[in-house]
């Protein structure tokens, strides 16, 4: 029997993020309880770092550091094979931070990207908001 595709959706903006699991063929959405984040990083007083290894100066950006923290946690779940596909839904600047911070072990699990702020959308409304961008993947 074929196992259902395990889809996780990362809904993020610069202040909050959560992972929602899309369950089975029904497309029921539910937040993964231990994967809800708030950005508690403060802006740096000094100039951002630039140069080799600094992702074009992102390291000093609190939003980038938030993306790193979120993806580090999700990466540990990827290592445990908790999901098959990770969909990113974030405003364009945050999508860029997520790409720059993406751990190598998650690159093969990346799915569609939605350039928009859906962090405020309830789990029950998420399936409608994502529509065919995610659910054509059954």
N, C-alpha and C. Protein backbone atom coordinates (compact mmCIF):
# COMPACT_ATOMS: atom_id res chain seq x y z
N UNK A 1 0.84 -1.18 0.00
CA UNK A 1 0.00 0.00 0.00
C UNK A 1 0.88 1.25 0.00
N UNK A 2 0.51 2.23 -0.76
CA UNK A 2 1.27 3.47 -0.87
C UNK A 2 0.98 4.36 0.33
N UNK A 3 2.03 4.86 0.94
CA UNK A 3 1.89 5.75 2.09
C UNK A 3 1.48 7.14 1.60
N UNK A 4 0.59 7.78 2.33
CA UNK A 4 0.16 9.14 1.98
C UNK A 4 1.33 10.11 2.12
N UNK A 5 1.38 11.08 1.24
CA UNK A 5 2.41 12.11 1.28
C UNK A 5 2.23 12.94 2.54
N UNK A 6 3.29 13.05 3.34
CA UNK A 6 3.25 13.83 4.57
C UNK A 6 3.74 15.24 4.27
N UNK A 7 2.80 16.18 4.23
CA UNK A 7 3.11 17.56 3.86
C UNK A 7 3.11 18.45 5.09
N UNK A 8 4.18 19.21 5.25
CA UNK A 8 4.24 20.25 6.27
C UNK A 8 4.28 21.58 5.54
N UNK A 9 3.58 22.55 6.10
CA UNK A 9 3.57 23.91 5.54
C UNK A 9 4.16 24.83 6.60
N UNK A 10 5.23 25.53 6.25
CA UNK A 10 5.81 26.53 7.14
C UNK A 10 5.18 27.87 6.79
N UNK A 11 4.41 28.40 7.72
CA UNK A 11 3.79 29.71 7.57
C UNK A 11 4.62 30.68 8.40
N UNK A 12 5.25 31.64 7.76
CA UNK A 12 6.17 32.52 8.48
C UNK A 12 6.05 33.95 8.01
N UNK A 13 6.29 34.85 8.94
CA UNK A 13 6.57 36.24 8.61
C UNK A 13 7.74 36.63 9.51
N UNK A 14 8.03 37.90 9.64
CA UNK A 14 9.22 38.29 10.40
C UNK A 14 9.02 38.22 11.91
N UNK A 15 7.79 38.01 12.37
CA UNK A 15 7.53 38.00 13.81
C UNK A 15 7.06 36.66 14.36
N UNK A 16 6.54 35.80 13.51
CA UNK A 16 6.00 34.53 13.99
C UNK A 16 6.08 33.49 12.88
N UNK A 17 6.05 32.24 13.30
CA UNK A 17 6.06 31.13 12.35
C UNK A 17 5.41 29.93 13.01
N UNK A 18 4.81 29.10 12.19
CA UNK A 18 4.28 27.84 12.69
C UNK A 18 4.30 26.82 11.55
N UNK A 19 4.35 25.57 11.95
CA UNK A 19 4.29 24.48 10.98
C UNK A 19 2.92 23.84 11.10
N UNK A 20 2.28 23.69 9.95
CA UNK A 20 0.98 23.03 9.88
C UNK A 20 1.16 21.76 9.07
N UNK A 21 0.66 20.67 9.61
CA UNK A 21 0.71 19.40 8.91
C UNK A 21 -0.61 19.21 8.16
N UNK A 22 -0.51 18.85 6.90
CA UNK A 22 -1.70 18.54 6.10
C UNK A 22 -1.86 17.02 6.19
N UNK A 23 -2.97 16.60 6.77
CA UNK A 23 -3.15 15.20 7.13
C UNK A 23 -3.93 14.45 6.06
N UNK A 24 -3.29 13.43 5.50
CA UNK A 24 -3.95 12.50 4.59
C UNK A 24 -4.61 13.12 3.38
N UNK A 25 -5.40 12.31 2.72
CA UNK A 25 -6.08 12.74 1.49
C UNK A 25 -7.19 13.74 1.78
N UNK A 26 -7.68 13.77 3.02
CA UNK A 26 -8.75 14.71 3.36
C UNK A 26 -8.27 16.14 3.34
N UNK A 27 -6.97 16.34 3.51
CA UNK A 27 -6.43 17.69 3.51
C UNK A 27 -6.69 18.45 4.79
N UNK A 28 -7.01 17.74 5.87
CA UNK A 28 -7.21 18.41 7.17
C UNK A 28 -5.88 19.04 7.60
N UNK A 29 -5.96 20.27 8.08
CA UNK A 29 -4.76 20.97 8.52
C UNK A 29 -4.74 21.05 10.04
N UNK A 30 -3.55 20.79 10.62
CA UNK A 30 -3.42 20.96 12.07
C UNK A 30 -2.01 21.44 12.39
N UNK A 31 -1.94 22.38 13.31
CA UNK A 31 -0.65 22.92 13.72
C UNK A 31 0.11 21.86 14.50
N UNK A 32 1.39 21.72 14.19
CA UNK A 32 2.26 20.82 14.93
C UNK A 32 2.62 21.55 16.22
N UNK A 33 2.14 21.05 17.34
CA UNK A 33 2.14 21.78 18.61
C UNK A 33 3.50 22.33 19.02
N UNK A 34 4.56 21.58 18.83
CA UNK A 34 5.86 22.05 19.29
C UNK A 34 6.60 22.86 18.23
N UNK A 35 5.94 23.22 17.16
CA UNK A 35 6.59 24.00 16.10
C UNK A 35 5.84 25.31 15.85
N UNK A 36 5.71 26.08 16.93
CA UNK A 36 5.13 27.42 16.87
C UNK A 36 6.20 28.35 17.44
N UNK A 37 6.53 29.41 16.71
CA UNK A 37 7.66 30.26 17.07
C UNK A 37 7.26 31.73 17.11
N UNK A 38 7.92 32.48 17.97
CA UNK A 38 7.84 33.94 18.00
C UNK A 38 9.26 34.46 17.83
N UNK A 39 9.41 35.55 17.10
CA UNK A 39 10.72 36.14 16.89
C UNK A 39 11.05 37.01 18.09
N UNK A 40 12.00 36.56 18.90
CA UNK A 40 12.41 37.34 20.06
C UNK A 40 13.78 37.99 19.87
N UNK A 41 14.28 37.98 18.63
CA UNK A 41 15.55 38.63 18.33
C UNK A 41 15.34 40.13 18.19
N UNK A 42 16.27 40.89 18.73
CA UNK A 42 16.22 42.35 18.63
C UNK A 42 17.20 42.79 17.55
N UNK A 43 16.95 43.96 16.98
CA UNK A 43 17.85 44.51 15.98
C UNK A 43 19.22 44.76 16.59
N UNK A 44 20.25 44.54 15.80
CA UNK A 44 21.62 44.79 16.24
C UNK A 44 21.89 46.29 16.23
N UNK A 45 22.67 46.76 17.18
CA UNK A 45 23.02 48.18 17.22
C UNK A 45 24.07 48.51 16.17
N UNK A 46 24.96 47.59 15.89
CA UNK A 46 26.05 47.82 14.95
C UNK A 46 25.68 47.45 13.54
N UNK A 47 26.59 47.70 12.59
CA UNK A 47 26.32 47.34 11.19
C UNK A 47 26.31 45.83 11.00
N UNK A 48 25.57 45.40 10.02
CA UNK A 48 25.48 43.97 9.70
C UNK A 48 26.81 43.50 9.13
N UNK A 49 27.15 42.24 9.40
CA UNK A 49 28.36 41.66 8.86
C UNK A 49 28.20 41.42 7.37
N UNK A 50 29.27 41.60 6.65
CA UNK A 50 29.29 41.24 5.24
C UNK A 50 30.57 40.48 4.98
N UNK A 51 30.60 39.79 3.88
CA UNK A 51 31.79 39.05 3.53
C UNK A 51 31.50 37.57 3.47
N UNK A 52 32.57 36.75 3.37
CA UNK A 52 32.38 35.31 3.23
C UNK A 52 31.60 34.72 4.40
N UNK A 53 30.65 33.87 4.07
CA UNK A 53 29.89 33.17 5.09
C UNK A 53 28.81 33.98 5.78
N UNK A 54 28.51 35.16 5.28
CA UNK A 54 27.53 35.99 5.99
C UNK A 54 26.22 36.14 5.23
N UNK A 55 25.99 35.38 4.19
CA UNK A 55 24.74 35.43 3.42
C UNK A 55 24.37 36.87 3.09
N UNK A 56 25.31 37.58 2.50
CA UNK A 56 25.11 38.97 2.07
C UNK A 56 24.67 39.87 3.22
N UNK A 57 25.25 39.67 4.39
CA UNK A 57 24.96 40.53 5.52
C UNK A 57 23.73 40.14 6.31
N UNK A 58 23.11 39.02 5.99
CA UNK A 58 21.88 38.61 6.68
C UNK A 58 22.09 38.28 8.15
N UNK A 59 23.27 37.84 8.55
CA UNK A 59 23.48 37.35 9.91
C UNK A 59 23.10 38.36 10.97
N UNK A 60 23.24 39.64 10.70
CA UNK A 60 22.89 40.66 11.67
C UNK A 60 21.41 41.00 11.67
N UNK A 61 20.67 40.48 10.73
CA UNK A 61 19.25 40.79 10.60
C UNK A 61 18.45 39.87 11.52
N UNK A 62 17.64 40.44 12.42
CA UNK A 62 16.86 39.60 13.32
C UNK A 62 15.91 38.65 12.58
N UNK A 63 15.41 39.04 11.43
CA UNK A 63 14.52 38.17 10.66
C UNK A 63 15.27 36.96 10.12
N UNK A 64 16.52 37.18 9.69
CA UNK A 64 17.34 36.06 9.22
C UNK A 64 17.65 35.10 10.36
N UNK A 65 18.02 35.65 11.52
CA UNK A 65 18.32 34.79 12.67
C UNK A 65 17.07 34.01 13.09
N UNK A 66 15.92 34.62 12.96
CA UNK A 66 14.66 33.93 13.25
C UNK A 66 14.47 32.77 12.27
N UNK A 67 14.73 33.03 10.98
CA UNK A 67 14.61 31.98 9.96
C UNK A 67 15.55 30.81 10.27
N UNK A 68 16.77 31.12 10.69
CA UNK A 68 17.74 30.08 11.04
C UNK A 68 17.21 29.24 12.20
N UNK A 69 16.70 29.89 13.23
CA UNK A 69 16.19 29.17 14.41
C UNK A 69 15.03 28.25 14.03
N UNK A 70 14.10 28.76 13.24
CA UNK A 70 12.94 27.97 12.82
C UNK A 70 13.39 26.77 11.99
N UNK A 71 14.25 27.01 11.01
CA UNK A 71 14.69 25.93 10.13
C UNK A 71 15.57 24.91 10.84
N UNK A 72 16.34 25.34 11.83
CA UNK A 72 17.13 24.38 12.61
C UNK A 72 16.21 23.38 13.30
N UNK A 73 15.13 23.88 13.86
CA UNK A 73 14.19 22.99 14.55
C UNK A 73 13.50 22.05 13.56
N UNK A 74 13.05 22.59 12.43
CA UNK A 74 12.38 21.76 11.43
C UNK A 74 13.37 20.74 10.86
N UNK A 75 14.62 21.13 10.71
CA UNK A 75 15.65 20.24 10.18
C UNK A 75 15.82 19.00 11.06
N UNK A 76 15.70 19.17 12.36
CA UNK A 76 15.83 18.01 13.24
C UNK A 76 14.68 17.02 13.00
N UNK A 77 13.52 17.53 12.66
CA UNK A 77 12.39 16.65 12.33
C UNK A 77 12.59 16.00 10.96
N UNK A 78 13.22 16.72 10.03
CA UNK A 78 13.53 16.13 8.73
C UNK A 78 14.50 14.97 8.90
N UNK A 79 15.45 15.12 9.80
CA UNK A 79 16.42 14.05 10.05
C UNK A 79 15.74 12.81 10.61
N UNK A 80 14.60 13.00 11.28
CA UNK A 80 13.83 11.88 11.83
C UNK A 80 12.76 11.40 10.86
N UNK A 81 12.78 11.93 9.63
CA UNK A 81 11.84 11.54 8.58
C UNK A 81 10.38 11.78 8.97
N UNK A 82 10.11 12.93 9.60
CA UNK A 82 8.76 13.26 10.07
C UNK A 82 7.84 13.76 8.96
N UNK A 83 8.41 14.20 7.85
CA UNK A 83 7.60 14.71 6.74
C UNK A 83 8.30 14.43 5.43
N UNK A 84 7.51 14.47 4.35
CA UNK A 84 8.05 14.21 3.01
C UNK A 84 8.28 15.50 2.23
N UNK A 85 7.44 16.49 2.47
CA UNK A 85 7.44 17.70 1.66
C UNK A 85 7.24 18.90 2.56
N UNK A 86 8.06 19.94 2.37
CA UNK A 86 7.92 21.18 3.13
C UNK A 86 7.54 22.29 2.16
N UNK A 87 6.38 22.86 2.39
CA UNK A 87 5.89 23.99 1.60
C UNK A 87 6.22 25.26 2.38
N UNK A 88 6.77 26.26 1.71
CA UNK A 88 7.08 27.53 2.36
C UNK A 88 6.03 28.55 1.97
N UNK A 89 5.46 29.23 2.95
CA UNK A 89 4.52 30.32 2.70
C UNK A 89 4.96 31.50 3.55
N UNK A 90 5.47 32.53 2.88
CA UNK A 90 6.00 33.70 3.58
C UNK A 90 6.06 34.88 2.62
N UNK A 91 6.08 36.10 3.15
CA UNK A 91 6.29 37.26 2.29
C UNK A 91 7.65 37.15 1.60
N UNK A 92 7.81 37.76 0.42
CA UNK A 92 9.07 37.61 -0.33
C UNK A 92 10.35 37.87 0.46
N UNK A 93 10.44 38.91 1.30
CA UNK A 93 11.70 39.08 2.05
C UNK A 93 11.99 37.91 3.00
N UNK A 94 10.96 37.37 3.60
CA UNK A 94 11.16 36.23 4.51
C UNK A 94 11.48 34.97 3.72
N UNK A 95 10.88 34.80 2.54
CA UNK A 95 11.24 33.65 1.68
C UNK A 95 12.73 33.68 1.37
N UNK A 96 13.27 34.87 1.10
CA UNK A 96 14.69 34.99 0.81
C UNK A 96 15.52 34.57 2.02
N UNK A 97 15.13 35.02 3.22
CA UNK A 97 15.84 34.60 4.43
C UNK A 97 15.76 33.08 4.60
N UNK A 98 14.60 32.51 4.36
CA UNK A 98 14.44 31.06 4.50
C UNK A 98 15.35 30.31 3.52
N UNK A 99 15.44 30.80 2.29
CA UNK A 99 16.34 30.17 1.31
C UNK A 99 17.79 30.27 1.76
N UNK A 100 18.19 31.44 2.22
CA UNK A 100 19.58 31.64 2.65
C UNK A 100 19.94 30.81 3.87
N UNK A 101 18.95 30.48 4.69
CA UNK A 101 19.19 29.73 5.92
C UNK A 101 18.90 28.24 5.80
N UNK A 102 18.44 27.79 4.64
CA UNK A 102 17.97 26.41 4.47
C UNK A 102 19.10 25.39 4.66
N UNK A 103 18.96 24.47 5.63
CA UNK A 103 19.95 23.41 5.80
C UNK A 103 19.95 22.46 4.59
N UNK A 104 21.10 21.93 4.27
CA UNK A 104 21.24 21.07 3.09
C UNK A 104 20.34 19.84 3.16
N UNK A 105 20.11 19.29 4.37
CA UNK A 105 19.30 18.07 4.46
C UNK A 105 17.83 18.31 4.16
N UNK A 106 17.43 19.56 3.99
CA UNK A 106 16.03 19.84 3.70
C UNK A 106 15.78 20.22 2.24
N UNK A 107 16.83 20.42 1.47
CA UNK A 107 16.66 20.87 0.09
C UNK A 107 15.84 19.90 -0.75
N UNK A 108 16.01 18.60 -0.54
CA UNK A 108 15.28 17.62 -1.33
C UNK A 108 13.82 17.51 -0.92
N UNK A 109 13.47 18.08 0.21
CA UNK A 109 12.09 18.02 0.70
C UNK A 109 11.28 19.27 0.39
N UNK A 110 11.91 20.25 -0.23
CA UNK A 110 11.20 21.50 -0.52
C UNK A 110 10.15 21.30 -1.59
N UNK A 111 9.00 21.86 -1.35
CA UNK A 111 7.89 21.80 -2.29
C UNK A 111 7.59 23.19 -2.81
N UNK A 112 6.33 23.42 -3.13
CA UNK A 112 5.93 24.73 -3.65
C UNK A 112 6.19 25.84 -2.64
N UNK A 113 6.32 27.05 -3.18
CA UNK A 113 6.49 28.23 -2.34
C UNK A 113 5.35 29.19 -2.64
N UNK A 114 4.84 29.78 -1.59
CA UNK A 114 3.76 30.76 -1.72
C UNK A 114 4.31 32.08 -1.20
N UNK A 115 4.44 33.06 -2.08
CA UNK A 115 4.96 34.37 -1.70
C UNK A 115 3.81 35.23 -1.19
N UNK A 116 3.51 35.07 0.08
CA UNK A 116 2.44 35.84 0.70
C UNK A 116 2.42 35.57 2.19
N UNK A 117 1.83 36.48 2.94
CA UNK A 117 1.77 36.33 4.38
C UNK A 117 0.52 35.57 4.78
N UNK A 118 0.68 34.31 5.09
CA UNK A 118 -0.43 33.47 5.54
C UNK A 118 -0.29 33.08 7.01
N UNK A 119 0.65 33.71 7.72
CA UNK A 119 0.89 33.35 9.12
C UNK A 119 -0.34 33.59 9.98
N UNK A 120 -1.20 34.49 9.57
CA UNK A 120 -2.40 34.83 10.35
C UNK A 120 -3.58 33.90 10.05
N UNK A 121 -3.49 33.09 9.02
CA UNK A 121 -4.61 32.25 8.59
C UNK A 121 -4.79 31.09 9.56
N UNK A 122 -6.03 30.84 9.96
CA UNK A 122 -6.31 29.72 10.87
C UNK A 122 -6.08 28.40 10.15
N UNK A 123 -5.88 27.35 10.94
CA UNK A 123 -5.71 26.02 10.35
C UNK A 123 -6.91 25.65 9.49
N UNK A 124 -8.11 25.96 9.97
CA UNK A 124 -9.31 25.59 9.22
C UNK A 124 -9.43 26.34 7.89
N UNK A 125 -8.88 27.53 7.79
CA UNK A 125 -8.93 28.29 6.55
C UNK A 125 -7.75 28.08 5.63
N UNK A 126 -6.76 27.35 6.12
CA UNK A 126 -5.53 27.19 5.37
C UNK A 126 -5.71 26.40 4.09
N UNK A 127 -6.46 25.33 4.14
CA UNK A 127 -6.66 24.49 2.96
C UNK A 127 -7.24 25.32 1.82
N UNK A 128 -8.21 26.16 2.13
CA UNK A 128 -8.81 27.03 1.11
C UNK A 128 -7.78 28.03 0.57
N UNK A 129 -7.00 28.64 1.46
CA UNK A 129 -6.00 29.64 1.04
C UNK A 129 -4.92 29.05 0.15
N UNK A 130 -4.49 27.84 0.47
CA UNK A 130 -3.41 27.22 -0.31
C UNK A 130 -3.91 26.60 -1.60
N UNK A 131 -5.12 26.09 -1.58
CA UNK A 131 -5.75 25.55 -2.78
C UNK A 131 -4.86 24.62 -3.58
N UNK A 132 -4.89 24.78 -4.89
CA UNK A 132 -4.17 23.90 -5.80
C UNK A 132 -2.66 24.00 -5.68
N UNK A 133 -2.15 25.08 -5.09
CA UNK A 133 -0.70 25.21 -4.98
C UNK A 133 -0.09 24.08 -4.17
N UNK A 134 -0.85 23.54 -3.23
CA UNK A 134 -0.37 22.45 -2.39
C UNK A 134 -1.12 21.17 -2.66
N UNK A 135 -2.42 21.25 -2.83
CA UNK A 135 -3.24 20.04 -2.85
C UNK A 135 -3.31 19.35 -4.19
N UNK A 136 -2.71 19.89 -5.21
CA UNK A 136 -2.59 19.17 -6.47
C UNK A 136 -1.55 18.06 -6.35
N UNK A 137 -0.88 18.00 -5.21
CA UNK A 137 0.22 17.05 -5.02
C UNK A 137 -0.22 15.71 -4.45
N UNK A 138 -1.52 15.41 -4.40
CA UNK A 138 -1.99 14.14 -3.82
C UNK A 138 -1.37 12.97 -4.53
